[in-house]
Protein backbone atom coordinates (compact mmCIF):
# COMPACT_ATOMS: atom_id res chain seq x y z
CA MET A 1 7.12 43.73 40.94
CA VAL A 2 7.06 46.48 38.35
CA THR A 3 6.05 50.04 39.10
CA LEU A 4 4.79 52.11 36.22
CA TYR A 5 4.82 55.88 36.80
CA GLY A 6 2.85 58.22 34.62
CA LEU A 7 -0.43 60.06 34.32
CA LYS A 8 -3.73 58.22 34.57
CA ASN A 9 -5.17 60.03 31.54
CA CYS A 10 -2.09 59.46 29.34
CA ASP A 11 -2.92 57.20 26.37
CA THR A 12 0.61 55.76 26.29
CA CYS A 13 0.41 54.90 29.98
CA LYS A 14 -2.96 53.22 29.41
CA LYS A 15 -1.46 51.14 26.58
CA ALA A 16 1.49 50.15 28.76
CA ARG A 17 -0.80 49.10 31.61
CA LYS A 18 -2.96 47.02 29.25
CA TRP A 19 0.18 45.36 27.87
CA LEU A 20 1.38 44.46 31.36
CA ASP A 21 -2.05 43.05 32.21
CA ARG A 22 -2.24 41.07 28.96
CA PHE A 23 1.17 39.45 29.55
CA GLY A 24 0.53 38.82 33.26
CA VAL A 25 3.23 41.17 34.53
CA ALA A 26 2.35 42.16 38.11
CA HIS A 27 2.62 45.91 38.50
CA ASP A 28 1.57 48.95 40.43
CA PHE A 29 0.65 52.24 38.79
CA VAL A 30 1.57 55.59 40.33
CA ASP A 31 0.21 58.83 38.93
CA TYR A 32 3.05 61.21 39.65
CA ARG A 33 0.71 64.18 39.59
CA ASP A 34 -1.23 62.70 42.52
CA MET A 35 1.89 61.30 44.22
CA PRO A 36 4.84 63.56 43.40
CA GLN A 37 8.16 61.77 43.47
CA ALA A 38 11.00 62.74 45.80
CA PRO A 39 13.79 64.86 44.32
CA GLU A 40 16.21 61.96 44.85
CA THR A 41 13.94 59.70 42.79
CA LEU A 42 13.86 62.22 39.95
CA SER A 43 17.66 62.43 40.07
CA GLU A 44 17.95 58.65 39.80
CA TRP A 45 15.49 58.54 36.90
CA ALA A 46 17.51 61.25 35.13
CA ARG A 47 20.77 59.41 35.80
CA GLN A 48 19.47 56.15 34.35
CA SER A 49 17.74 57.88 31.44
CA GLY A 50 20.84 59.67 30.23
CA GLY A 51 20.37 63.01 31.95
CA TRP A 52 17.69 65.56 32.63
CA ASP A 53 17.24 66.41 28.95
CA ALA A 54 16.46 62.76 28.19
CA LEU A 55 13.98 62.54 31.08
CA VAL A 56 11.88 65.42 29.76
CA ASN A 57 9.46 65.27 26.84
CA LYS A 58 10.46 68.37 24.90
CA SER A 59 7.82 67.82 22.24
CA SER A 60 5.00 68.23 24.76
CA THR A 61 2.62 71.16 24.75
CA THR A 62 3.65 71.96 28.31
CA TRP A 63 7.32 72.27 27.31
CA ARG A 64 6.51 74.42 24.27
CA THR A 65 4.49 76.84 26.39
CA LEU A 66 7.18 77.31 29.05
CA PRO A 67 8.93 80.69 29.09
CA PRO A 68 12.41 80.47 27.51
CA ASN A 69 14.20 80.96 30.84
CA ARG A 70 12.45 77.83 32.25
CA LYS A 71 13.60 75.69 29.31
CA ALA A 72 17.25 75.99 30.26
CA PRO A 73 17.67 74.81 33.85
CA GLY A 74 21.30 75.27 34.74
CA THR A 75 21.47 73.11 37.84
CA GLU A 76 20.05 69.87 39.16
CA ALA A 77 18.07 71.88 41.71
CA GLU A 78 16.45 73.89 38.92
CA TRP A 79 15.52 70.69 37.06
CA LYS A 80 13.97 69.23 40.22
CA LEU A 81 11.99 72.42 40.80
CA LEU A 82 10.77 72.43 37.20
CA LEU A 83 9.59 68.80 37.41
CA LYS A 84 7.99 69.35 40.80
CA GLU A 85 6.00 72.21 39.28
CA TYR A 86 5.31 70.42 35.96
CA PRO A 87 5.40 66.63 36.52
CA GLN A 88 3.68 66.16 33.16
CA LEU A 89 7.00 67.08 31.51
CA ILE A 90 8.46 63.68 32.44
CA ARG A 91 8.59 61.37 29.42
CA ARG A 92 6.19 58.56 30.20
CA PRO A 93 5.68 56.02 31.31
CA VAL A 94 8.61 55.56 33.62
CA VAL A 95 9.02 51.86 34.37
CA VAL A 96 10.95 50.73 37.44
CA THR A 97 11.59 47.08 38.25
CA ASP A 98 12.49 45.64 41.66
CA ASP A 99 16.16 45.60 40.66
CA GLY A 100 16.01 49.40 40.36
CA VAL A 101 16.34 49.51 36.57
CA VAL A 102 14.53 52.51 35.05
CA THR A 103 13.27 52.78 31.48
CA GLN A 104 10.96 55.24 29.80
CA GLY A 105 8.34 55.04 27.12
CA PHE A 106 6.26 52.23 25.73
CA THR A 107 6.41 50.13 22.60
CA ASP A 108 5.13 46.61 22.20
CA ASN A 109 8.54 45.31 21.11
CA GLY A 110 10.37 47.28 23.80
CA PHE A 111 8.18 45.81 26.53
CA LYS A 112 8.50 42.29 25.06
CA LYS A 113 12.27 42.63 25.27
CA ARG A 114 12.22 44.22 28.74
CA PHE A 115 9.91 41.58 30.21
CA GLY A 116 11.20 38.50 28.38
CA GLN A 117 8.23 38.06 26.06
CA GLU A 118 10.04 38.21 22.67
CA GLY A 119 8.39 35.05 21.35
CA ALA A 120 4.91 35.97 22.59
CA GLY A 121 2.10 36.96 20.25
CA ARG A 122 -0.04 40.01 20.47
């Protein structure tokens, strides 16, 4: 089973969900605004994504409007607090498979590779 984490109104998350449906990949969707993730989960996502900076979408409007002191969390605890307060900062979607592997973002080719559909058509 695949779990896709994101925001229900996010266009990229909608595209990812449609892709999974089209290719018959069973999945659950979790809106992490409605169901905030545990701090340990956020830490694991950051670890597998290459760190907190990689987990966060720094081109988002939310990031750009943060006060400068909030854009430079110095500790893991500060990162967790920031993402608890602003879950929409997480680069989305976050895709977690049963084996615990975490990836972020959506592209057609990226999903084809991730889910073994390289030879499949659109």
